[in-house]
Amino acid sequence: MISLLRRSLRKRSGVVFAAVAALVMLGAAPASANSFDGSYYNSLNGGKYEGYYSWSDGNNAVTVSNIGNGYHVRVRVQAYVSGAYYSYLDKYSNDNTTLKSSVPDAMPKVKMRISLCYYSSDWNYLGGCNYHYGYNT
């Protein structure tokens, strides 16, 4: 009888251990980084495709591609703090290039945006901007 009880206890403890191990492994999975990406279009040339942008807060990285069509792009990564947007990255991307950069770790974990503004080939601001929103978590 005692032998049967021990065997039953071992089986149950094995099942409980397996269940606990499965829950621990599921709970230990790393949180996915918040990222967003997409295409952007230039309103100054009839809404034609201008390039691609992406953000990943896993490594605070921004990537912006800019096709060769005569327009340069100013790239700003901004965080929304106390009712206003503050820039944490402000760089220019030449026509027909890809900008890859990262934002300092000090950027707050809040609503954010990537601002893409258009400049002429001689670097005059043309007035059009695209805004792409997400969260830095």
C-alpha atoms as a PDB file:
ATOM      1  CA  MET A   1       0.000   0.000   0.000  1.00  0.00           C
ATOM      2  CA  ILE A   2       2.776   2.452   0.888  1.00  0.00           C
ATOM      3  CA  SER A   3       4.578   1.547  -2.316  1.00  0.00           C
ATOM      4  CA  LEU A   4       1.459   2.284  -4.348  1.00  0.00           C
ATOM      5  CA  LEU A   5       1.019   5.608  -2.571  1.00  0.00           C
ATOM      6  CA  ARG A   6       4.654   6.593  -3.278  1.00  0.00           C
ATOM      7  CA  ARG A   7       4.268   5.711  -6.976  1.00  0.00           C
ATOM      8  CA  SER A   8       1.095   7.759  -7.230  1.00  0.00           C
ATOM      9  CA  LEU A   9       2.766  10.703  -5.476  1.00  0.00           C
ATOM     10  CA  ARG A  10       5.776  10.537  -7.840  1.00  0.00           C
ATOM     11  CA  LYS A  11       3.511  10.582 -10.898  1.00  0.00           C
ATOM     12  CA  ARG A  12       1.526  13.516  -9.592  1.00  0.00           C
ATOM     13  CA  SER A  13       4.612  15.457  -8.572  1.00  0.00           C
ATOM     14  CA  GLY A  14       6.066  14.834 -12.038  1.00  0.00           C
ATOM     15  CA  VAL A  15       2.942  16.218 -13.683  1.00  0.00           C
ATOM     16  CA  VAL A  16       2.888  19.222 -11.342  1.00  0.00           C
ATOM     17  CA  PHE A  17       6.599  19.862 -11.969  1.00  0.00           C
ATOM     18  CA  ALA A  18       6.090  19.718 -15.751  1.00  0.00           C
ATOM     19  CA  ALA A  19       3.156  22.123 -15.534  1.00  0.00           C
ATOM     20  CA  VAL A  20       5.108  24.571 -13.349  1.00  0.00           C
ATOM     21  CA  ALA A  21       8.133  24.353 -15.668  1.00  0.00           C
ATOM     22  CA  ALA A  22       5.919  25.099 -18.691  1.00  0.00           C
ATOM     23  CA  LEU A  23       4.404  28.128 -16.962  1.00  0.00           C
ATOM     24  CA  VAL A  24       7.819  29.438 -15.959  1.00  0.00           C
ATOM     25  CA  MET A  25       9.118  29.084 -19.515  1.00  0.00           C
ATOM     26  CA  LEU A  26       6.064  30.880 -20.912  1.00  0.00           C
ATOM     27  CA  GLY A  27       6.362  33.635 -18.326  1.00  0.00           C
ATOM     28  CA  ALA A  28      10.064  34.037 -18.952  1.00  0.00           C
ATOM     29  CA  ALA A  29       9.652  34.807 -22.641  1.00  0.00           C
ATOM     30  CA  PRO A  30      11.089  38.227 -23.416  1.00  0.00           C
ATOM     31  CA  ALA A  31       8.606  40.997 -24.011  1.00  0.00           C
ATOM     32  CA  SER A  32       8.421  41.901 -27.664  1.00  0.00           C
ATOM     33  CA  ALA A  33       9.823  45.273 -28.591  1.00  0.00           C
ATOM     34  CA  ASN A  34       7.384  47.919 -29.727  1.00  0.00           C
ATOM     35  CA  SER A  35       8.072  48.712 -33.338  1.00  0.00           C
ATOM     36  CA  PHE A  36       6.283  50.287 -36.244  1.00  0.00           C
ATOM     37  CA  ASP A  37       7.128  50.792 -39.874  1.00  0.00           C
ATOM     38  CA  GLY A  38       5.673  51.633 -43.233  1.00  0.00           C
ATOM     39  CA  SER A  39       5.965  53.550 -46.444  1.00  0.00           C
ATOM     40  CA  TYR A  40       5.745  57.304 -46.707  1.00  0.00           C
ATOM     41  CA  TYR A  41       4.601  59.443 -49.600  1.00  0.00           C
ATOM     42  CA  ASN A  42       5.661  62.916 -50.680  1.00  0.00           C
ATOM     43  CA  SER A  43       2.716  65.313 -50.899  1.00  0.00           C
ATOM     44  CA  LEU A  44       4.888  67.800 -52.818  1.00  0.00           C
ATOM     45  CA  ASN A  45       5.181  65.573 -55.884  1.00  0.00           C
ATOM     46  CA  GLY A  46       1.597  64.382 -56.169  1.00  0.00           C
ATOM     47  CA  GLY A  47       1.708  61.881 -53.298  1.00  0.00           C
ATOM     48  CA  LYS A  48       4.275  59.603 -54.921  1.00  0.00           C
ATOM     49  CA  TYR A  49       6.217  56.996 -52.961  1.00  0.00           C
ATOM     50  CA  GLU A  50       9.207  58.542 -51.194  1.00  0.00           C
ATOM     51  CA  GLY A  51      10.590  55.723 -49.075  1.00  0.00           C
ATOM     52  CA  TYR A  52      10.316  53.482 -46.051  1.00  0.00           C
ATOM     53  CA  TYR A  53      10.659  54.121 -42.318  1.00  0.00           C
ATOM     54  CA  SER A  54      10.943  51.831 -39.293  1.00  0.00           C
ATOM     55  CA  TRP A  55      11.338  52.140 -35.528  1.00  0.00           C
ATOM     56  CA  SER A  56      12.231  49.497 -32.973  1.00  0.00           C
ATOM     57  CA  ASP A  57      12.401  50.370 -29.305  1.00  0.00           C
ATOM     58  CA  GLY A  58      14.274  47.127 -28.643  1.00  0.00           C
ATOM     59  CA  ASN A  59      17.445  48.962 -29.651  1.00  0.00           C
ATOM     60  CA  ASN A  60      16.084  52.518 -30.098  1.00  0.00           C
ATOM     61  CA  ALA A  61      16.809  52.266 -33.831  1.00  0.00           C
ATOM     62  CA  VAL A  62      15.296  54.271 -36.646  1.00  0.00           C
ATOM     63  CA  THR A  63      15.798  53.537 -40.345  1.00  0.00           C
ATOM     64  CA  VAL A  64      14.589  55.785 -43.147  1.00  0.00           C
ATOM     65  CA  SER A  65      15.150  55.096 -46.831  1.00  0.00           C
ATOM     66  CA  ASN A  66      14.820  57.883 -49.368  1.00  0.00           C
ATOM     67  CA  ILE A  67      14.457  57.156 -53.089  1.00  0.00           C
ATOM     68  CA  GLY A  68      16.379  59.146 -55.698  1.00  0.00           C
ATOM     69  CA  ASN A  69      13.927  61.816 -56.856  1.00  0.00           C
ATOM     70  CA  GLY A  70      15.581  65.127 -55.967  1.00  0.00           C
ATOM     71  CA  TYR A  71      14.190  65.455 -52.423  1.00  0.00           C
ATOM     72  CA  HIS A  72      16.243  65.273 -49.232  1.00  0.00           C
ATOM     73  CA  VAL A  73      14.499  64.311 -45.979  1.00  0.00           C
ATOM     74  CA  ARG A  74      14.944  65.639 -42.450  1.00  0.00           C
ATOM     75  CA  VAL A  75      14.351  62.859 -39.913  1.00  0.00           C
ATOM     76  CA  ARG A  76      13.344  63.656 -36.360  1.00  0.00           C
ATOM     77  CA  VAL A  77      12.431  61.184 -33.624  1.00  0.00           C
ATOM     78  CA  GLN A  78      10.343  62.978 -31.024  1.00  0.00           C
ATOM     79  CA  ALA A  79       8.804  62.064 -27.671  1.00  0.00           C
ATOM     80  CA  TYR A  80       5.539  63.541 -26.404  1.00  0.00           C
ATOM     81  CA  VAL A  81       6.167  64.936 -22.919  1.00  0.00           C
ATOM     82  CA  SER A  82       3.949  67.350 -20.955  1.00  0.00           C
ATOM     83  CA  GLY A  83       1.871  68.338 -23.968  1.00  0.00           C
ATOM     84  CA  ALA A  84       4.687  68.953 -26.463  1.00  0.00           C
ATOM     85  CA  TYR A  85       7.002  66.964 -28.759  1.00  0.00           C
ATOM     86  CA  TYR A  86      10.725  67.071 -27.967  1.00  0.00           C
ATOM     87  CA  SER A  87      13.354  65.874 -30.439  1.00  0.00           C
ATOM     88  CA  TYR A  88      15.771  63.124 -29.445  1.00  0.00           C
ATOM     89  CA  LEU A  89      17.209  62.655 -32.921  1.00  0.00           C
ATOM     90  CA  ASP A  90      17.473  65.231 -35.693  1.00  0.00           C
ATOM     91  CA  LYS A  91      19.342  64.160 -38.834  1.00  0.00           C
ATOM     92  CA  TYR A  92      19.208  64.730 -42.561  1.00  0.00           C
ATOM     93  CA  SER A  93      19.001  61.997 -45.167  1.00  0.00           C
ATOM     94  CA  ASN A  94      20.390  62.819 -48.586  1.00  0.00           C
ATOM     95  CA  ASP A  95      18.422  61.985 -51.677  1.00  0.00           C
ATOM     96  CA  ASN A  96      18.755  58.313 -52.677  1.00  0.00           C
ATOM     97  CA  THR A  97      20.239  57.133 -49.356  1.00  0.00           C
ATOM     98  CA  THR A  98      19.208  55.186 -46.255  1.00  0.00           C
ATOM     99  CA  LEU A  99      19.657  56.709 -42.800  1.00  0.00           C
ATOM    100  CA  LYS A 100      20.230  54.284 -39.935  1.00  0.00           C
ATOM    101  CA  SER A 101      20.626  55.736 -36.493  1.00  0.00           C
ATOM    102  CA  SER A 102      19.710  55.198 -32.861  1.00  0.00           C
ATOM    103  CA  VAL A 103      18.202  57.390 -30.200  1.00  0.00           C
ATOM    104  CA  PRO A 104      19.855  57.824 -26.784  1.00  0.00           C
ATOM    105  CA  ASP A 105      18.551  55.527 -24.056  1.00  0.00           C
ATOM    106  CA  ALA A 106      17.413  58.619 -22.129  1.00  0.00           C
ATOM    107  CA  MET A 107      14.373  58.995 -24.408  1.00  0.00           C
ATOM    108  CA  PRO A 108      11.283  58.665 -22.187  1.00  0.00           C
ATOM    109  CA  LYS A 109       8.948  55.687 -22.538  1.00  0.00           C
ATOM    110  CA  VAL A 110       5.979  57.607 -23.953  1.00  0.00           C
ATOM    111  CA  LYS A 111       4.038  58.322 -27.134  1.00  0.00           C
ATOM    112  CA  MET A 112       6.467  59.226 -29.914  1.00  0.00           C
ATOM    113  CA  ARG A 113       6.607  60.094 -33.573  1.00  0.00           C
ATOM    114  CA  ILE A 114       8.927  60.063 -36.533  1.00  0.00           C
ATOM    115  CA  SER A 115       8.779  63.345 -38.416  1.00  0.00           C
ATOM    116  CA  LEU A 116       9.863  63.295 -42.085  1.00  0.00           C
ATOM    117  CA  CYS A 117      10.147  66.736 -43.725  1.00  0.00           C
ATOM    118  CA  TYR A 118      11.124  67.516 -47.324  1.00  0.00           C
ATOM    119  CA  TYR A 119      13.985  69.647 -48.580  1.00  0.00           C
ATOM    120  CA  SER A 120      14.992  70.570 -52.104  1.00  0.00           C
ATOM    121  CA  SER A 121      18.249  69.442 -53.707  1.00  0.00           C
ATOM    122  CA  ASP A 122      19.851  72.708 -52.500  1.00  0.00           C
ATOM    123  CA  TRP A 123      18.566  72.087 -48.929  1.00  0.00           C
ATOM    124  CA  ASN A 124      15.739  74.618 -48.849  1.00  0.00           C
ATOM    125  CA  TYR A 125      12.814  73.559 -46.674  1.00  0.00           C
ATOM    126  CA  LEU A 126       9.808  72.904 -48.905  1.00  0.00           C
ATOM    127  CA  GLY A 127       7.094  72.796 -46.268  1.00  0.00           C
ATOM    128  CA  GLY A 128       5.772  69.247 -46.421  1.00  0.00           C
ATOM    129  CA  CYS A 129       6.118  66.796 -43.529  1.00  0.00           C
ATOM    130  CA  ASN A 130       4.834  63.317 -42.740  1.00  0.00           C
ATOM    131  CA  TYR A 131       4.262  62.190 -39.135  1.00  0.00           C
ATOM    132  CA  HIS A 132       4.245  58.556 -38.061  1.00  0.00           C
ATOM    133  CA  TYR A 133       3.162  57.738 -34.499  1.00  0.00           C
ATOM    134  CA  GLY A 134       3.953  54.924 -32.088  1.00  0.00           C
ATOM    135  CA  TYR A 135       5.062  54.249 -28.517  1.00  0.00           C
ATOM    136  CA  ASN A 136       8.492  53.894 -27.006  1.00  0.00           C
ATOM    137  CA  THR A 137       7.926  51.206 -24.359  1.00  0.00           C
END
